[in-house]
Each structure stands twice: as C-alpha cells, then as structure tokens.
Amino acid sequence: MSSPVLQPRTRVTRLAQEAVDKARLTVVPRVRTRAPRVPFVTLVSLVLVGGIVGLLLFNTSMQQASFAASSLQSEADTLAAREQTLRMELDELRNPQRVAQEAQQMGMVIPTAPVFLDLRTGKTSGVRTPSTPEQAIQLLPPVPPKPAILAPPPTVVEVPADTTTDPTTDTTTEPPADAQAKQKNKNRQDRKNRNR
C-alpha cells in the first residue's frame, strides 16, 4: 500500500528538481553587435537639414510679415495725416466768418438794424429798413496804415561811370588786387547803406 503513494511523491520531487535546475540563473555571454551607422547618420542629417530649412522658412515668413506690417503702418500714417488735413479743411469751411464773407461776396447784406418778431402776437419790433451794400456791417476791419518808420523811402546810390578810357591800356586785364579789395569794400558799404 505504501508503494502507490510513493510514486507520486518521487515524481513531484523529480519535477521540482527539474524546475529548480531550469530556474537557476546562469551568466550568458555578451554578444556584441554593432548597430549600422549609416541609418543613424542619415537620420541625424535629415533632422538637422529639416531644422535649418524650417528656421530659414520661419525667418523668411517673419521678415515678410515685418515688411507687410511696416508698409501697412506707413499707409495708416498717411491716411491719418490725410484725415487730419480733411478735418482741418472741413473746420475751415464751417467757419462762420468764412461763410459770412462768401455771403457778402455773393451780394448778401447784413442789416444794420435788426427787426425782431414776437411769436405770440405776430408783431415786429424795430424799424424795418432795407439794407444796402453801403450800409452793411463790414466783417473785416480796415487794414491799418503802415507807420512811416516801417516804410522808409528807398535810398538811391548813383555810382559815377568811369568816362576816362586810355586806348593804349588793355581793358581785358584785371585791376590790381588792391583795387579789387577797395571795390569790394565800397560795394559792401553801399549794400549796408541800402539796407538801412
């Protein structure tokens, strides 16, 4: 009876021993394999070239955007200046003084004595007189006369002509340097006198 029980036990022991033998760690020798260098170098080269090309394209697009922005800014400045000019012209055209002057040039006359209408009663107060251009109120004051000190009479300087000519001397030769200097000084004095 004991023999059938022993058989599975020895069988289990044998299986356990085989499993332990299989489970033992052993040192495996290192196998050196070299990875091929050509694909790695190609990959690195492609990444570098792609990065440089990408940077160049990005830089070019940024410069184009900068040029477009500067041209748009210049156009905006021009349009702002044009708008300011047009606003100034519009303000000048709306000026009541200018409107009144143009009305006078067309023949309209500002009455000297206005007449007022009372809306409740419908009656007018004031003397109704026709306005004529001679009686109209002048919008611009007369130009003041210029004081005599600001408008002096002109000073006329007469230079005597050299009437003595010697036919033996050549008129094409230049006068001596002293004579030229004297003539320049005289011309300066004449200009100073004219300016006073």
Protein backbone atom coordinates (compact mmCIF):
# COMPACT_ATOMS: atom_id res chain seq x y z
CA MET A 1 0.00 0.00 0.00
CA SER A 2 2.75 2.30 0.51
CA SER A 3 4.14 1.88 -2.94
CA PRO A 4 1.36 3.68 -4.84
CA VAL A 5 1.71 6.70 -2.56
CA LEU A 6 5.49 6.87 -3.04
CA GLN A 7 5.30 7.05 -6.72
CA PRO A 8 3.61 10.46 -6.95
CA ARG A 9 5.95 11.86 -4.30
CA THR A 10 9.04 10.87 -6.19
CA ARG A 11 7.51 12.14 -9.32
CA VAL A 12 6.81 15.52 -7.72
CA THR A 13 10.35 15.65 -6.35
CA ARG A 14 11.80 14.91 -9.72
CA LEU A 15 9.64 17.59 -11.38
CA ALA A 16 10.59 20.07 -8.68
CA GLN A 17 14.26 19.31 -9.15
CA GLU A 18 13.97 19.80 -12.89
CA ALA A 19 12.13 23.11 -12.38
CA VAL A 20 14.78 24.29 -9.95
CA ASP A 21 17.51 23.35 -12.41
CA LYS A 22 15.75 25.24 -15.17
CA ALA A 23 15.11 28.26 -12.96
CA ARG A 24 18.73 28.73 -11.96
CA LEU A 25 20.31 31.84 -13.31
CA THR A 26 23.30 31.47 -15.47
CA VAL A 27 25.68 34.04 -16.91
CA VAL A 28 25.02 34.48 -20.54
CA PRO A 29 27.99 35.58 -22.59
CA ARG A 30 27.72 39.10 -24.06
CA VAL A 31 27.19 39.19 -27.72
CA ARG A 32 28.48 42.41 -29.23
CA THR A 33 26.54 43.57 -32.19
CA ARG A 34 27.23 46.87 -33.82
CA ALA A 35 24.31 48.87 -35.00
CA PRO A 36 24.72 50.06 -38.55
CA ARG A 37 25.92 53.69 -38.56
CA VAL A 38 24.57 54.76 -41.94
CA PRO A 39 20.87 54.91 -40.95
CA PHE A 40 21.67 56.78 -37.74
CA VAL A 41 23.86 59.35 -39.51
CA THR A 42 21.23 59.72 -42.21
CA LEU A 43 18.51 60.28 -39.62
CA VAL A 44 20.56 62.89 -37.72
CA SER A 45 21.48 64.64 -41.00
CA LEU A 46 17.85 64.75 -42.10
CA VAL A 47 16.77 66.17 -38.73
CA LEU A 48 19.48 68.87 -38.90
CA VAL A 49 18.71 69.80 -42.51
CA GLY A 50 14.98 69.85 -41.77
CA GLY A 51 15.56 72.10 -38.74
CA ILE A 52 17.75 74.54 -40.71
CA VAL A 53 15.28 74.69 -43.60
CA GLY A 54 12.43 75.18 -41.14
CA LEU A 55 14.29 78.03 -39.41
CA LEU A 56 15.04 79.69 -42.76
CA LEU A 57 11.40 79.43 -43.83
CA PHE A 58 10.24 80.77 -40.47
CA ASN A 59 12.73 83.67 -40.66
CA THR A 60 11.66 84.48 -44.22
CA SER A 61 7.98 84.47 -43.30
CA MET A 62 8.68 86.68 -40.28
CA GLN A 63 10.57 89.18 -42.47
CA GLN A 64 7.76 89.22 -45.00
CA ALA A 65 5.28 89.84 -42.21
CA SER A 66 7.51 92.62 -40.87
CA PHE A 67 7.67 94.28 -44.30
CA ALA A 68 3.91 93.98 -44.68
CA ALA A 69 3.37 95.45 -41.20
CA SER A 70 5.71 98.37 -41.89
CA SER A 71 4.03 99.14 -45.22
CA LEU A 72 0.61 98.96 -43.57
CA GLN A 73 1.83 101.23 -40.76
CA SER A 74 3.14 103.71 -43.32
CA GLU A 75 -0.18 103.61 -45.16
CA ALA A 76 -2.05 104.10 -41.87
CA ASP A 77 0.13 107.13 -41.04
CA THR A 78 -0.52 108.60 -44.49
CA LEU A 79 -4.26 108.05 -44.13
CA ALA A 80 -4.25 109.57 -40.64
CA ALA A 81 -2.46 112.66 -41.97
CA ARG A 82 -4.95 112.86 -44.86
CA GLU A 83 -7.85 112.56 -42.41
CA GLN A 84 -6.39 115.35 -40.27
CA THR A 85 -6.00 117.56 -43.36
CA LEU A 86 -9.58 116.90 -44.41
CA ARG A 87 -10.85 117.65 -40.91
CA MET A 88 -8.97 120.95 -40.91
CA GLU A 89 -10.41 121.82 -44.33
CA LEU A 90 -13.90 120.93 -43.09
CA ASP A 91 -13.46 123.08 -39.99
CA GLU A 92 -12.31 125.95 -42.19
CA LEU A 93 -15.32 125.52 -44.48
CA ARG A 94 -17.66 125.51 -41.47
CA ASN A 95 -16.14 128.70 -40.07
CA PRO A 96 -18.96 131.27 -39.69
CA GLN A 97 -16.59 134.11 -40.59
CA ARG A 98 -15.80 132.49 -43.95
CA VAL A 99 -19.48 131.75 -44.62
CA ALA A 100 -20.37 135.39 -43.90
CA GLN A 101 -17.60 136.68 -46.18
CA GLU A 102 -18.70 134.45 -49.05
CA ALA A 103 -22.31 135.56 -48.50
CA GLN A 104 -21.19 139.20 -48.77
CA GLN A 105 -19.25 138.42 -51.95
CA MET A 106 -22.44 136.93 -53.42
CA GLY A 107 -24.28 140.15 -52.68
CA MET A 108 -25.98 139.34 -49.39
CA VAL A 109 -26.04 142.17 -46.87
CA ILE A 110 -26.09 142.06 -43.08
CA PRO A 111 -28.72 144.52 -41.87
CA THR A 112 -27.53 147.32 -39.62
CA ALA A 113 -30.71 147.44 -37.53
CA PRO A 114 -32.33 144.05 -36.94
CA VAL A 115 -36.07 143.63 -36.59
CA PHE A 116 -37.47 141.16 -34.05
CA LEU A 117 -40.64 139.10 -34.44
CA ASP A 118 -42.77 138.34 -31.39
CA LEU A 119 -44.17 134.84 -31.98
CA ARG A 120 -47.09 135.21 -29.54
CA THR A 121 -48.52 138.36 -31.02
CA GLY A 122 -47.06 138.18 -34.53
CA LYS A 123 -45.89 141.80 -34.34
CA THR A 124 -42.44 143.07 -35.18
CA SER A 125 -40.40 145.41 -33.07
CA GLY A 126 -37.78 147.69 -34.56
CA VAL A 127 -37.59 149.83 -37.65
CA ARG A 128 -37.81 147.95 -40.90
CA THR A 129 -35.32 149.47 -43.29
CA PRO A 130 -33.94 147.94 -46.47
CA SER A 131 -30.25 147.07 -46.31
CA THR A 132 -27.85 148.27 -48.96
CA PRO A 133 -24.25 147.25 -49.55
CA GLU A 134 -23.11 150.73 -48.45
CA GLN A 135 -24.84 150.39 -45.07
CA ALA A 136 -23.79 146.78 -44.44
CA ILE A 137 -21.69 145.84 -41.45
CA GLN A 138 -18.13 145.19 -42.52
CA LEU A 139 -16.88 141.84 -41.30
CA LEU A 140 -13.19 142.58 -41.71
CA PRO A 141 -11.70 145.69 -40.14
CA PRO A 142 -9.86 148.05 -42.48
CA VAL A 143 -6.17 147.42 -42.91
CA PRO A 144 -4.21 149.70 -40.57
CA PRO A 145 -1.80 152.08 -42.28
CA LYS A 146 1.86 151.19 -42.06
CA PRO A 147 3.92 153.62 -39.94
CA ALA A 148 6.42 155.74 -41.85
CA ILE A 149 9.31 154.27 -39.90
CA LEU A 150 8.47 150.80 -41.26
CA ALA A 151 8.19 152.07 -44.84
CA PRO A 152 11.13 154.43 -45.41
CA PRO A 153 11.69 155.90 -48.84
CA PRO A 154 14.20 153.94 -50.90
CA THR A 155 17.81 155.09 -50.89
CA VAL A 156 19.24 155.51 -54.36
CA VAL A 157 23.01 155.43 -54.71
CA GLU A 158 24.45 156.62 -58.01
CA VAL A 159 27.87 155.34 -58.95
CA PRO A 160 29.76 157.61 -61.32
CA ALA A 161 30.76 155.94 -64.53
CA ASP A 162 34.44 155.82 -65.45
CA THR A 163 34.50 158.06 -68.55
CA THR A 164 38.27 158.21 -68.98
CA THR A 165 39.50 155.30 -71.03
CA ASP A 166 43.01 155.03 -72.29
CA PRO A 167 43.13 153.23 -75.66
CA THR A 168 46.68 152.08 -75.01
CA THR A 169 45.70 150.02 -71.95
CA ASP A 170 44.07 146.68 -72.38
CA THR A 171 40.58 146.60 -70.82
CA THR A 172 40.58 142.82 -70.53
CA THR A 173 43.29 142.78 -67.89
CA GLU A 174 42.15 142.59 -64.30
CA PRO A 175 42.78 145.51 -61.96
CA PRO A 176 45.41 145.03 -59.27
CA ALA A 177 44.46 143.17 -56.10
CA ASP A 178 44.40 146.39 -54.01
CA ALA A 179 41.89 147.97 -56.38
CA GLN A 180 39.70 144.83 -56.21
CA ALA A 181 39.74 144.89 -52.41
CA LYS A 182 38.80 148.59 -52.37
CA GLN A 183 35.96 147.96 -54.81
CA LYS A 184 34.63 145.08 -52.63
CA ASN A 185 34.72 147.26 -49.53
CA LYS A 186 32.89 150.01 -51.38
CA ASN A 187 30.23 147.54 -52.57
CA ARG A 188 29.73 146.32 -49.00
CA GLN A 189 29.30 149.86 -47.75
CA ASP A 190 26.76 150.57 -50.48
CA ARG A 191 24.77 147.44 -49.53
CA LYS A 192 24.79 148.39 -45.86
CA ASN A 193 23.54 151.87 -46.74
CA ARG A 194 20.75 150.43 -48.88
CA ASN A 195 19.65 148.07 -46.12
CA ARG A 196 19.34 150.91 -43.61
